[in-house]
């Protein structure tokens, strides 16, 4: 199936649930991202990764250190 609108996919994904009642929250990021960018060598060492207690292998949040200039 080919979707003509991103909103259609977002709406369909938002209807997903599990038998235990978990729900899906969706967001559309419509920002244009620059391609070909390279990350700094110490990129991972400056990241705090917070793993979810229930499903840490799938759910996590990455929080970069903020550098004030």
N, C-alpha and C. Protein backbone atom coordinates (compact mmCIF):
# COMPACT_ATOMS: atom_id res chain seq x y z
N UNK A 1 0.85 -1.17 0.00
CA UNK A 1 0.00 0.00 0.00
C UNK A 1 0.89 1.24 0.00
N UNK A 2 0.58 2.20 -0.83
CA UNK A 2 1.32 3.46 -0.89
C UNK A 2 0.43 4.55 -0.31
N UNK A 3 0.97 5.30 0.61
CA UNK A 3 0.22 6.39 1.23
C UNK A 3 0.54 7.70 0.52
N UNK A 4 -0.48 8.51 0.33
CA UNK A 4 -0.29 9.78 -0.35
C UNK A 4 0.03 10.91 0.60
N UNK A 5 -0.24 10.72 1.89
CA UNK A 5 0.02 11.78 2.86
C UNK A 5 0.70 11.21 4.09
N UNK A 6 1.63 11.95 4.64
CA UNK A 6 2.29 11.55 5.88
C UNK A 6 1.28 11.52 7.02
N UNK A 7 0.33 12.43 7.01
CA UNK A 7 -0.68 12.50 8.05
C UNK A 7 -1.48 11.19 8.13
N UNK A 8 -1.73 10.54 6.99
CA UNK A 8 -2.45 9.27 6.98
C UNK A 8 -1.67 8.21 7.76
N UNK A 9 -0.37 8.14 7.52
CA UNK A 9 0.47 7.17 8.23
C UNK A 9 0.48 7.49 9.72
N UNK A 10 0.62 8.77 10.07
CA UNK A 10 0.62 9.19 11.46
C UNK A 10 -0.68 8.78 12.15
N UNK A 11 -1.80 9.03 11.50
CA UNK A 11 -3.10 8.68 12.08
C UNK A 11 -3.25 7.17 12.28
N UNK A 12 -2.79 6.39 11.31
CA UNK A 12 -2.86 4.93 11.43
C UNK A 12 -1.97 4.42 12.55
N UNK A 13 -0.77 4.96 12.66
CA UNK A 13 0.14 4.55 13.72
C UNK A 13 -0.42 4.89 15.10
N UNK A 14 -1.10 6.01 15.20
CA UNK A 14 -1.64 6.44 16.48
C UNK A 14 -2.78 5.55 16.97
N UNK A 15 -3.35 4.74 16.11
CA UNK A 15 -4.43 3.84 16.54
C UNK A 15 -3.91 2.53 17.11
N UNK A 16 -2.61 2.30 17.03
CA UNK A 16 -2.03 1.05 17.53
C UNK A 16 -2.10 0.98 19.05
N UNK A 17 -2.42 -0.19 19.55
CA UNK A 17 -2.42 -0.45 21.00
C UNK A 17 -1.92 -1.87 21.23
N UNK A 18 -1.73 -2.21 22.48
CA UNK A 18 -1.34 -3.58 22.84
C UNK A 18 -2.43 -4.18 23.72
N UNK A 19 -2.34 -5.46 23.97
CA UNK A 19 -3.31 -6.12 24.84
C UNK A 19 -3.28 -5.57 26.26
N UNK A 20 -2.14 -5.02 26.65
CA UNK A 20 -2.03 -4.49 28.01
C UNK A 20 -2.40 -3.02 28.10
N UNK A 21 -2.79 -2.41 26.97
CA UNK A 21 -3.27 -1.03 27.00
C UNK A 21 -2.25 0.03 26.63
N UNK A 22 -1.05 -0.39 26.24
CA UNK A 22 -0.07 0.61 25.82
C UNK A 22 -0.55 1.27 24.54
N UNK A 23 -0.29 2.56 24.41
CA UNK A 23 -0.70 3.31 23.23
C UNK A 23 0.51 3.92 22.54
N UNK A 24 0.34 4.26 21.27
CA UNK A 24 1.41 4.87 20.48
C UNK A 24 1.16 6.37 20.37
N UNK A 25 2.19 7.15 20.58
CA UNK A 25 2.13 8.59 20.38
C UNK A 25 3.02 8.91 19.19
N UNK A 26 2.52 9.68 18.25
CA UNK A 26 3.27 9.97 17.04
C UNK A 26 3.50 11.46 16.87
N UNK A 27 4.59 11.79 16.21
CA UNK A 27 4.92 13.17 15.89
C UNK A 27 5.53 13.19 14.49
N UNK A 28 5.16 14.18 13.71
CA UNK A 28 5.75 14.36 12.39
C UNK A 28 6.81 15.44 12.49
N UNK A 29 8.03 15.09 12.11
CA UNK A 29 9.12 16.06 12.07
C UNK A 29 9.25 16.53 10.63
N UNK A 30 8.87 17.76 10.37
CA UNK A 30 8.90 18.25 9.00
C UNK A 30 10.10 19.15 8.72
N UNK A 31 11.07 19.09 9.60
CA UNK A 31 12.29 19.87 9.42
C UNK A 31 13.14 19.25 8.31
N UNK A 32 13.80 20.07 7.54
CA UNK A 32 14.75 19.59 6.54
C UNK A 32 16.12 19.44 7.21
N UNK A 33 16.67 18.26 7.12
CA UNK A 33 17.95 17.99 7.76
C UNK A 33 19.07 18.00 6.73
N UNK A 34 20.19 18.57 7.12
CA UNK A 34 21.36 18.62 6.26
C UNK A 34 21.97 17.23 6.14
N UNK A 35 22.29 16.82 4.93
CA UNK A 35 22.91 15.51 4.73
C UNK A 35 24.43 15.65 4.71
N UNK A 36 25.12 14.56 4.97
CA UNK A 36 26.57 14.55 4.87
C UNK A 36 27.30 15.10 6.08
N UNK A 37 26.58 15.43 7.15
CA UNK A 37 27.25 15.98 8.33
C UNK A 37 27.97 14.86 9.08
N UNK A 38 29.09 15.18 9.67
CA UNK A 38 29.86 14.22 10.46
C UNK A 38 29.75 14.62 11.93
N UNK A 39 29.70 13.62 12.79
CA UNK A 39 29.64 13.90 14.21
C UNK A 39 31.04 14.01 14.79
N UNK A 40 31.14 14.69 15.90
CA UNK A 40 32.43 14.84 16.58
C UNK A 40 32.90 13.47 17.09
N UNK A 41 34.19 13.30 17.20
CA UNK A 41 34.74 12.02 17.66
C UNK A 41 34.27 11.65 19.06
N UNK A 42 34.07 12.67 19.92
CA UNK A 42 33.65 12.39 21.30
C UNK A 42 32.13 12.48 21.46
N UNK A 43 31.40 12.35 20.37
CA UNK A 43 29.95 12.48 20.38
C UNK A 43 29.29 11.59 21.43
N UNK A 44 29.60 10.29 21.41
CA UNK A 44 28.96 9.36 22.35
C UNK A 44 29.35 9.63 23.79
N UNK A 45 30.56 10.08 24.02
CA UNK A 45 31.00 10.31 25.40
C UNK A 45 30.31 11.52 26.02
N UNK A 46 29.72 12.40 25.18
CA UNK A 46 29.00 13.56 25.68
C UNK A 46 27.50 13.34 25.79
N UNK A 47 27.06 12.09 25.63
CA UNK A 47 25.64 11.78 25.67
C UNK A 47 25.28 11.02 26.94
N UNK A 48 24.17 11.41 27.52
CA UNK A 48 23.61 10.66 28.63
C UNK A 48 22.45 9.85 28.06
N UNK A 49 22.51 8.53 28.18
CA UNK A 49 21.46 7.67 27.67
C UNK A 49 20.67 7.14 28.86
N UNK A 50 19.37 7.42 28.87
CA UNK A 50 18.48 6.98 29.94
C UNK A 50 17.61 5.86 29.38
N UNK A 51 17.78 4.66 29.90
CA UNK A 51 17.02 3.51 29.42
C UNK A 51 15.71 3.37 30.19
N UNK A 52 14.67 3.00 29.47
CA UNK A 52 13.36 2.77 30.05
C UNK A 52 13.43 1.58 31.01
N UNK A 53 12.70 1.64 32.11
CA UNK A 53 12.72 0.55 33.08
C UNK A 53 12.02 -0.70 32.56
N UNK A 54 10.97 -0.53 31.76
CA UNK A 54 10.16 -1.67 31.31
C UNK A 54 10.78 -2.38 30.10
N UNK A 55 11.18 -1.62 29.09
CA UNK A 55 11.79 -2.20 27.88
C UNK A 55 13.06 -1.45 27.51
N UNK A 56 14.11 -1.62 28.29
CA UNK A 56 15.33 -0.84 28.05
C UNK A 56 16.00 -1.13 26.71
N UNK A 57 15.80 -2.32 26.15
CA UNK A 57 16.44 -2.62 24.86
C UNK A 57 15.76 -1.90 23.70
N UNK A 58 14.53 -1.42 23.90
CA UNK A 58 13.81 -0.73 22.83
C UNK A 58 13.55 0.74 23.11
N UNK A 59 13.36 1.08 24.37
CA UNK A 59 12.98 2.45 24.72
C UNK A 59 14.07 3.13 25.52
N UNK A 60 14.54 4.25 24.98
CA UNK A 60 15.57 5.02 25.67
C UNK A 60 15.50 6.47 25.20
N UNK A 61 16.08 7.34 25.99
CA UNK A 61 16.15 8.75 25.65
C UNK A 61 17.62 9.16 25.69
N UNK A 62 18.05 9.90 24.67
CA UNK A 62 19.42 10.39 24.62
C UNK A 62 19.38 11.87 24.95
N UNK A 63 20.16 12.26 25.95
CA UNK A 63 20.18 13.65 26.39
C UNK A 63 21.60 14.20 26.23
N UNK A 64 21.81 15.05 25.23
CA UNK A 64 23.15 15.62 25.04
C UNK A 64 23.49 16.63 26.11
N UNK A 65 24.78 16.76 26.39
CA UNK A 65 25.23 17.81 27.28
C UNK A 65 25.09 19.14 26.56
N UNK A 66 24.61 20.12 27.25
CA UNK A 66 24.47 21.44 26.63
C UNK A 66 25.70 22.27 26.95
N UNK A 67 26.32 22.81 25.92
CA UNK A 67 27.50 23.64 26.08
C UNK A 67 27.10 25.09 25.86
N UNK A 68 27.29 25.91 26.85
CA UNK A 68 26.97 27.33 26.73
C UNK A 68 28.20 28.04 26.19
N UNK A 69 27.98 28.80 25.14
CA UNK A 69 29.11 29.54 24.51
C UNK A 69 29.06 30.98 24.92
